[in-house]
Amino acid sequence: MLADRARIAQVVTNLLDNAVAYTGPSGTVQVRVWQTSDEAGLSVQDSGPGIAPAAVPRVFDRFFRADTGRARAGGGSGLGLAICKELVEAHGGRIKAESQLGIGSTFAVLLPLHPPPGPG
């Protein structure tokens, strides 16, 4: 895979930091990695408070902060997930979120293993 390691590490670190910050000491955070013939994937799943269904489509918007009912330790600017999305898309990949209130959230990153064909 052709990628900027520092930028992909930034994405992974942000997803892990968010999961740990919102989950709390008695919760769990699971990381999964996989590979298909075309892409590499990583997901971060937490047992935090979850995100309301109406808010999930907006979690990657700049400055958007979903009301989880639980304060995040250390605050945050609401830019982390937006930057993650930009970095992943700059690598030709995609990022998605799934969440259920009271159960937790999963963020998944999918990156192509091979660069897309160039123009013409």
Protein backbone atom coordinates (compact mmCIF):
# COMPACT_ATOMS: atom_id res chain seq x y z
CA MET A 1 0.00 0.00 0.00
CA LEU A 2 1.27 3.45 -0.86
CA ALA A 3 0.51 5.77 2.02
CA ASP A 4 1.92 8.52 4.16
CA ARG A 5 2.59 6.56 7.35
CA ALA A 6 2.50 9.64 9.57
CA ARG A 7 -0.93 10.68 8.28
CA ILE A 8 -2.40 7.18 8.58
CA ALA A 9 -0.95 6.94 12.10
CA GLN A 10 -2.65 10.28 12.86
CA VAL A 11 -6.00 8.80 11.76
CA VAL A 12 -5.56 5.65 13.84
CA THR A 13 -4.43 7.63 16.89
CA ASN A 14 -7.43 9.95 16.64
CA LEU A 15 -9.90 7.06 16.38
CA LEU A 16 -8.30 5.29 19.35
CA ASP A 17 -8.14 8.47 21.45
CA ASN A 18 -11.83 9.16 20.80
CA ALA A 19 -12.85 5.59 21.64
CA VAL A 20 -10.91 5.60 24.91
CA ALA A 21 -12.05 9.09 25.89
CA TYR A 22 -15.75 8.35 25.42
CA THR A 23 -15.79 4.77 26.67
CA GLY A 24 -14.67 5.23 30.24
CA PRO A 25 -12.72 2.92 32.54
CA SER A 26 -15.22 0.05 32.66
CA GLY A 27 -15.80 -0.10 28.91
CA THR A 28 -14.03 -1.88 26.08
CA VAL A 29 -12.29 -0.79 22.90
CA GLN A 30 -11.59 -3.33 20.17
CA VAL A 31 -9.35 -2.83 17.16
CA ARG A 32 -9.65 -5.07 14.11
CA VAL A 33 -7.50 -5.12 10.99
CA TRP A 34 -8.06 -7.05 7.79
CA GLN A 35 -7.05 -7.17 4.17
CA THR A 36 -8.85 -8.15 0.99
CA SER A 37 -7.34 -8.37 -2.46
CA ASP A 38 -8.11 -4.67 -3.02
CA GLU A 39 -8.00 -2.91 0.32
CA ALA A 40 -6.77 -2.85 3.90
CA GLY A 41 -9.21 -2.14 6.68
CA LEU A 42 -9.11 -1.10 10.29
CA SER A 43 -12.00 -0.65 12.67
CA VAL A 44 -12.17 0.76 16.18
CA GLN A 45 -15.21 -0.34 18.16
CA ASP A 46 -16.07 1.00 21.60
CA SER A 47 -18.70 0.31 24.23
CA GLY A 48 -19.24 4.00 24.94
CA PRO A 49 -22.57 5.83 25.06
CA GLY A 50 -23.07 5.75 21.30
CA ILE A 51 -24.23 8.51 18.99
CA ALA A 52 -27.84 9.36 18.17
CA PRO A 53 -28.86 8.06 14.72
CA ALA A 54 -29.57 11.57 13.43
CA ALA A 55 -26.06 12.70 14.40
CA VAL A 56 -24.08 9.83 12.83
CA PRO A 57 -24.08 11.30 9.29
CA ARG A 58 -22.62 14.55 10.66
CA VAL A 59 -19.76 13.16 12.79
CA PHE A 60 -17.24 13.90 10.03
CA ASP A 61 -18.38 17.54 9.65
CA ARG A 62 -15.99 20.23 10.87
CA PHE A 63 -16.77 21.50 14.39
CA PHE A 64 -19.65 19.05 14.87
CA ARG A 65 -19.78 17.55 18.36
CA ALA A 66 -22.39 14.87 18.91
CA ASP A 67 -24.16 15.02 22.26
CA THR A 68 -23.29 11.65 23.76
CA GLY A 69 -24.55 12.44 27.22
CA ARG A 70 -21.02 11.89 28.52
CA ALA A 71 -18.32 14.52 28.70
CA ARG A 72 -15.12 13.76 26.88
CA ALA A 73 -12.02 14.09 29.02
CA GLY A 74 -9.97 17.00 27.70
CA GLY A 75 -12.62 18.50 25.44
CA GLY A 76 -11.80 18.75 21.76
CA SER A 77 -12.34 21.10 18.87
CA GLY A 78 -14.65 19.01 16.72
CA LEU A 79 -12.01 18.84 13.98
CA GLY A 80 -10.44 15.42 14.58
CA LEU A 81 -12.89 13.27 12.64
CA ALA A 82 -13.17 15.83 9.84
CA ILE A 83 -9.39 15.76 9.44
CA CYS A 84 -9.41 11.96 9.55
CA LYS A 85 -11.92 11.90 6.72
CA GLU A 86 -9.84 14.30 4.63
CA LEU A 87 -6.66 12.27 5.19
CA VAL A 88 -8.32 8.96 4.38
CA GLU A 89 -9.94 10.34 1.23
CA ALA A 90 -6.61 11.90 0.17
CA HIS A 91 -5.27 8.33 0.19
CA GLY A 92 -8.15 7.16 -2.02
CA GLY A 93 -9.93 5.49 0.88
CA ARG A 94 -13.11 5.91 2.82
CA ILE A 95 -14.12 6.16 6.46
CA LYS A 96 -17.47 5.32 7.96
CA ALA A 97 -19.22 5.36 11.31
CA GLU A 98 -21.90 3.16 12.83
CA SER A 99 -23.38 3.69 16.27
CA GLN A 100 -26.18 2.69 18.59
CA LEU A 101 -27.17 4.68 21.64
CA GLY A 102 -26.26 2.85 24.83
CA ILE A 103 -24.21 0.24 22.97
CA GLY A 104 -21.28 2.04 21.38
CA SER A 105 -19.73 3.10 18.10
CA THR A 106 -17.57 1.63 15.36
CA PHE A 107 -15.38 3.67 13.04
CA ALA A 108 -13.90 1.87 10.05
CA VAL A 109 -11.19 2.98 7.63
CA LEU A 110 -10.76 1.30 4.25
CA LEU A 111 -7.67 2.06 2.18
CA PRO A 112 -6.85 0.80 -1.31
CA LEU A 113 -3.87 -1.51 -1.60
CA HIS A 114 -3.13 -0.37 -5.13
CA PRO A 115 -3.17 3.21 -6.40
CA PRO A 116 -6.04 4.02 -8.76
CA PRO A 117 -5.13 4.07 -12.45
CA GLY A 118 -3.92 7.42 -13.69
CA PRO A 119 -5.75 9.48 -16.29
CA GLY A 120 -5.84 8.33 -19.89
